[in-house]
Structure formats: C-alpha cells, structure tokens
Amino acid sequence: MTLHTAVLPGERRRATVFLHGLGSAGVAAFGTVAAGLDDRLRLLPDLLGFGNSADVPTDGYTLDDHALAVARMLDQHGLVGLDVVGHSMGGSIAIVLSRARPDLVRRLTVLEPNLLPFDGDASVEIAGQSEEDFATQGVTSLIARADAEWAETLRRADPVALHRSAVSLCVGPRDTTVLDILLASHLPRTLVYGSRTGEPAQSGRLRRAGVEVVEIPNAGHVMMADEPAAVIEVLR
C-alpha cells in the first residue's frame, strides 16, 4: 500500500509533510504553500481514497487507517521527526499520527482540524446519508454545490472513501477525541484558524494546554487558498 506523494526537494532535517482535508488532494490543497517553503524537503501525499491514491487498496478509512498509511509512506522515505501540517480532516489525522507514531512528529501545525465528533459541516452532511445513497446520489449533489477547486478533487475521490472518512470524523478515534489527544500532547503545537470562520470554542483550553492559537486575517476555512502568504509565514 503506497500513497501517491509529490516530493519537493530540500533539507531533510527540516522535512515537512502536508495532509489535506476531506475530498481534497495533496498538491491541490497545499501546492502553493509548499512551494513557498523551498528551504526544506516537502511531501504532499494524496490520502487514502483521494487524488491519485483513490485506487490504493485498504481495509478502511478511519482516522487511524489514514494515520497508519501516512506513517508507512514516511517510513518508506526513511524520515523521522517531521513538521506535520494538516488542514481540516488532515489536521485530525496529523493529531492522531502524533500519538500513534511520536517518532515521526517534531511539531504539529493544524489548520481548523475536526477536534470533536460531528465537528464539521461537510463531514456531518456526508455521514448523515447511507453509504449507498451517498455513492449513488449524494456525491453528485455535493460536487454540483462545491466551488470549482473542491469540485475538481471531489470528482477524483472514491465516494466510499469520502463517506467512510466522513463517518470516521463524526465518530472520532476509538478511545478518545482528537481534542483530548491534542491537549495531552507535549509537542510544539499550533492551531490556525481563519478570521471568517472565527476563533474555535476550545481556544481557551488549548492555550492553557500550551497550544499556540493563531488567526489568519481575511481567511475562511480554506486559508491556504484565501491567504497563502500568511499561512507560509506561520509555518516559517
């Protein structure tokens, strides 16, 4: 099982992996931001069921399954101690990865991750349909209502992967919540949100636990597209 991964050359000691959100793909989500960080090795995988990894065989699409697939890809590249950057679902996967494989993660930067069950409009909408209904009707409706960039990556995604990943976001990890994993971590952690989305309800708890909480002005949920230069500055 190998995730399709775009690799941009740079310093291995500052290697950074970027994990995209639900229905997106690596380069589509983070290509502009990654290009602005040309002083480091950059890896942009398409997660299980998405982009060019849509046909990668897997037993499931839980957050743990996604984190394991990313870990295997990083092991294949012989990397440890990376900066891990994740957006939305990718942020949740990054947090789960940090607990499952702490050797792989030096620093966490998560952009509006799903922290609690049913924490996300798209995942709740998708998970509220049966898998069959979503695959036959729901995905077509979702694509029709999506903006052009998201619609393009949604078309490349496996509808079953979309549905099962959304269900996993709504259920969360097996024994805890993504929020509790983030709060308990001792890694350097930064949570980034767009001003148009608004400060997360958990920001007080996050700050007390040592998480840096950063606002990107004039940005919504997909801040990498809205204000890429500001996201690059945070990552620097």
Protein backbone atom coordinates (compact mmCIF):
# COMPACT_ATOMS: atom_id res chain seq x y z
CA MET A 1 0.00 0.00 0.00
CA THR A 2 1.68 3.23 -1.17
CA LEU A 3 0.16 6.69 -1.09
CA HIS A 4 0.79 8.79 -4.17
CA THR A 5 3.07 11.52 -2.85
CA ALA A 6 4.51 14.60 -4.52
CA VAL A 7 8.01 15.25 -3.19
CA LEU A 8 9.67 18.67 -3.44
CA PRO A 9 13.43 18.60 -2.71
CA GLY A 10 15.05 20.43 0.19
CA GLU A 11 16.73 19.89 3.55
CA ARG A 12 15.78 16.56 5.09
CA ARG A 13 16.40 17.85 8.61
CA ARG A 14 13.53 20.30 8.09
CA ALA A 15 11.24 17.88 6.28
CA THR A 16 7.55 18.80 6.31
CA VAL A 17 4.55 16.68 5.37
CA PHE A 18 1.23 18.28 4.40
CA LEU A 19 -2.06 16.43 4.95
CA HIS A 20 -5.09 17.67 3.02
CA GLY A 21 -8.72 17.81 4.03
CA LEU A 22 -11.80 15.74 3.17
CA GLY A 23 -12.32 15.43 -0.58
CA SER A 24 -9.15 17.30 -1.49
CA ALA A 25 -5.68 16.16 -2.62
CA GLY A 26 -2.11 16.97 -1.66
CA VAL A 27 -0.91 19.38 -4.34
CA ALA A 28 -4.35 20.92 -4.86
CA ALA A 29 -4.58 21.83 -1.18
CA PHE A 30 -1.01 22.73 -0.31
CA GLY A 31 0.94 23.20 -3.54
CA THR A 32 1.21 26.99 -3.29
CA VAL A 33 2.11 26.94 0.40
CA ALA A 34 4.67 24.15 -0.04
CA ALA A 35 6.31 25.98 -2.94
CA GLY A 36 6.84 28.97 -0.65
CA LEU A 37 8.81 26.84 1.81
CA ASP A 38 11.66 25.90 -0.53
CA ASP A 39 14.24 25.57 2.24
CA ARG A 40 13.02 22.10 3.27
CA LEU A 41 12.02 18.70 1.93
CA ARG A 42 8.26 18.74 1.37
CA LEU A 43 5.93 15.77 0.98
CA LEU A 44 2.36 16.19 -0.24
CA PRO A 45 0.54 12.84 -0.16
CA ASP A 46 -2.89 12.14 -1.53
CA LEU A 47 -4.59 10.41 1.39
CA LEU A 48 -6.27 7.02 1.12
CA GLY A 49 -9.14 7.19 -1.36
CA PHE A 50 -8.33 10.68 -2.65
CA GLY A 51 -6.50 12.16 -5.63
CA ASN A 52 -4.10 9.70 -7.21
CA SER A 53 -4.41 7.45 -4.14
CA ALA A 54 -8.08 6.79 -4.90
CA ASP A 55 -7.29 3.24 -6.00
CA VAL A 56 -4.86 2.32 -3.20
CA PRO A 57 -6.21 -0.86 -1.55
CA THR A 58 -7.15 -0.52 2.11
CA ASP A 59 -9.26 -2.22 4.74
CA GLY A 60 -10.76 1.03 5.96
CA TYR A 61 -10.85 4.81 6.06
CA THR A 62 -10.83 5.58 9.78
CA LEU A 63 -8.62 8.32 11.18
CA ASP A 64 -6.33 5.57 12.45
CA ASP A 65 -6.21 3.96 8.98
CA HIS A 66 -5.28 7.28 7.39
CA ALA A 67 -2.60 7.95 10.03
CA LEU A 68 -1.12 4.47 9.53
CA ALA A 69 -0.96 4.98 5.76
CA VAL A 70 0.89 8.28 6.24
CA ALA A 71 3.28 6.60 8.69
CA ARG A 72 4.05 3.86 6.19
CA MET A 73 4.76 6.42 3.49
CA LEU A 74 7.13 8.34 5.76
CA ASP A 75 8.86 5.10 6.75
CA GLN A 76 9.39 4.32 3.07
CA HIS A 77 11.16 7.67 2.73
CA GLY A 78 13.28 6.95 5.82
CA LEU A 79 12.08 10.07 7.62
CA VAL A 80 11.57 10.80 11.31
CA GLY A 81 10.94 13.96 13.30
CA LEU A 82 8.98 15.95 10.72
CA ASP A 83 6.93 19.09 10.90
CA VAL A 84 3.41 17.80 10.24
CA VAL A 85 0.89 20.24 8.78
CA GLY A 86 -2.74 19.26 8.35
CA HIS A 87 -5.89 21.01 7.18
CA SER A 88 -9.37 20.08 8.41
CA MET A 89 -9.54 16.25 8.24
CA GLY A 90 -5.79 16.27 7.57
CA GLY A 91 -5.30 18.15 10.82
CA SER A 92 -7.24 15.47 12.69
CA ILE A 93 -5.13 12.77 11.03
CA ALA A 94 -1.95 14.68 11.95
CA ILE A 95 -3.00 14.73 15.61
CA VAL A 96 -3.83 11.01 15.58
CA LEU A 97 -0.48 10.32 13.88
CA SER A 98 1.35 12.21 16.62
CA ARG A 99 0.01 9.80 19.23
CA ALA A 100 0.40 6.64 17.15
CA ARG A 101 3.92 7.41 15.91
CA PRO A 102 5.54 10.12 18.04
CA ASP A 103 8.91 9.37 16.41
CA LEU A 104 7.60 10.83 13.15
CA VAL A 105 6.36 14.16 14.51
CA ARG A 106 8.56 17.03 15.68
CA ARG A 107 5.94 19.77 15.50
CA LEU A 108 2.21 19.93 14.77
CA THR A 109 0.53 22.73 12.86
CA VAL A 110 -3.17 22.10 12.32
CA LEU A 111 -5.44 24.36 10.28
CA GLU A 112 -9.05 24.22 11.51
CA PRO A 113 -8.97 20.48 12.33
CA ASN A 114 -12.03 18.48 13.32
CA LEU A 115 -11.47 18.25 17.07
CA LEU A 116 -14.73 16.71 18.27
CA PRO A 117 -17.33 14.30 16.86
CA PHE A 118 -19.72 15.94 14.38
CA ASP A 119 -17.37 18.93 14.16
CA GLY A 120 -17.60 19.93 10.50
CA ASP A 121 -20.41 20.80 8.09
CA ALA A 122 -19.27 18.68 5.13
CA SER A 123 -18.50 15.57 7.16
CA VAL A 124 -21.82 15.78 9.00
CA GLU A 125 -23.74 16.17 5.74
CA ILE A 126 -21.97 13.22 4.12
CA ALA A 127 -22.16 10.95 7.17
CA GLY A 128 -25.87 11.68 7.55
CA GLN A 129 -26.55 9.72 4.36
CA SER A 130 -26.24 5.99 3.92
CA GLU A 131 -23.13 4.87 2.09
CA GLU A 132 -25.23 3.63 -0.83
CA ASP A 133 -27.27 6.83 -1.10
CA PHE A 134 -24.16 8.98 -0.97
CA ALA A 135 -22.36 6.93 -3.61
CA THR A 136 -25.33 6.96 -6.00
CA GLN A 137 -26.75 10.46 -5.41
CA GLY A 138 -25.13 12.42 -2.62
CA VAL A 139 -21.69 12.80 -4.13
CA THR A 140 -23.17 14.19 -7.36
CA SER A 141 -25.14 16.75 -5.38
CA LEU A 142 -22.07 17.67 -3.32
CA ILE A 143 -19.96 18.22 -6.44
CA ALA A 144 -22.67 20.38 -8.01
CA ARG A 145 -22.67 22.70 -4.98
CA ALA A 146 -18.91 22.80 -4.43
CA ASP A 147 -16.63 25.58 -5.62
CA ALA A 148 -14.62 24.80 -8.75
CA GLU A 149 -11.41 23.75 -6.99
CA TRP A 150 -13.07 21.44 -4.48
CA ALA A 151 -15.37 20.01 -7.16
CA GLU A 152 -12.33 19.01 -9.20
CA THR A 153 -10.77 16.97 -6.38
CA LEU A 154 -14.14 15.58 -5.29
CA ARG A 155 -14.55 14.09 -8.77
CA ARG A 156 -11.24 12.25 -8.35
CA ALA A 157 -12.12 10.86 -4.92
CA ASP A 158 -13.60 7.43 -4.26
CA PRO A 159 -17.17 8.05 -2.99
CA VAL A 160 -16.86 5.20 -0.50
CA ALA A 161 -13.64 6.72 0.86
CA LEU A 162 -15.39 10.09 1.14
CA HIS A 163 -18.30 8.60 3.05
CA ARG A 164 -16.30 6.37 5.38
CA SER A 165 -13.78 9.12 6.11
CA ALA A 166 -16.64 11.50 6.94
CA VAL A 167 -18.19 8.91 9.24
CA SER A 168 -14.84 8.46 11.00
CA LEU A 169 -14.56 12.22 11.53
CA CYS A 170 -18.01 12.19 13.11
CA VAL A 171 -17.19 9.21 15.33
CA GLY A 172 -13.59 10.12 16.18
CA PRO A 173 -10.76 7.82 17.31
CA ARG A 174 -11.67 4.58 19.08
CA ASP A 175 -10.91 5.53 22.69
CA THR A 176 -10.82 9.32 22.95
CA THR A 177 -11.33 12.53 20.99
CA VAL A 178 -8.95 14.33 18.68
CA LEU A 179 -9.19 17.32 21.03
CA ASP A 180 -8.05 15.28 24.03
CA ILE A 181 -5.08 13.89 22.08
CA LEU A 182 -4.05 17.43 21.14
CA LEU A 183 -4.47 18.72 24.70
CA ALA A 184 -2.41 15.86 26.16
CA SER A 185 0.45 16.14 23.69
CA HIS A 186 3.79 17.61 24.77
CA LEU A 187 4.85 18.52 21.22
CA PRO A 188 5.11 22.09 20.00
CA ARG A 189 1.56 22.62 18.68
CA THR A 190 -0.04 25.42 16.71
CA LEU A 191 -3.71 25.62 15.77
CA VAL A 192 -4.52 28.07 12.98
CA TYR A 193 -7.97 29.42 12.12
CA GLY A 194 -9.35 31.89 9.60
CA SER A 195 -10.92 35.10 10.85
CA ARG A 196 -14.03 34.47 8.76
CA THR A 197 -14.51 31.11 10.48
CA GLY A 198 -13.97 32.58 13.93
CA GLU A 199 -11.95 31.53 16.95
CA PRO A 200 -12.59 27.90 17.96
CA ALA A 201 -14.75 27.32 21.01
CA GLN A 202 -11.95 25.29 22.61
CA SER A 203 -9.30 28.02 22.26
CA GLY A 204 -9.16 28.73 25.99
CA ARG A 205 -8.48 25.08 26.85
CA LEU A 206 -5.97 24.84 24.02
CA ARG A 207 -3.98 27.87 25.19
CA ARG A 208 -3.95 26.62 28.78
CA ALA A 209 -2.52 23.32 27.49
CA GLY A 210 0.29 25.18 25.71
CA VAL A 211 -1.15 25.17 22.19
CA GLU A 212 -0.38 28.32 20.22
CA VAL A 213 -3.62 29.60 18.63
CA VAL A 214 -3.12 31.83 15.57
CA GLU A 215 -5.63 33.76 13.48
CA ILE A 216 -5.21 34.31 9.72
CA PRO A 217 -6.97 37.60 8.89
CA ASN A 218 -9.34 37.75 5.91
CA ALA A 219 -9.37 33.96 5.57
CA GLY A 220 -12.05 31.32 5.77
CA HIS A 221 -11.77 27.58 6.27
CA VAL A 222 -9.54 27.03 3.22
CA MET A 223 -6.98 29.59 4.34
CA MET A 224 -4.25 28.12 2.10
CA ALA A 225 -6.24 29.43 -0.89
CA ASP A 226 -7.50 32.63 0.75
CA GLU A 227 -4.23 33.87 2.26
CA PRO A 228 -1.33 31.58 1.26
CA ALA A 229 1.37 34.11 2.16
CA ALA A 230 0.03 34.37 5.71
CA VAL A 231 -0.04 30.58 6.08
CA ILE A 232 3.55 30.40 4.82
CA GLU A 233 4.57 32.99 7.39
CA VAL A 234 3.01 30.93 10.21
CA LEU A 235 4.83 27.81 9.02
CA ARG A 236 8.15 29.64 8.90
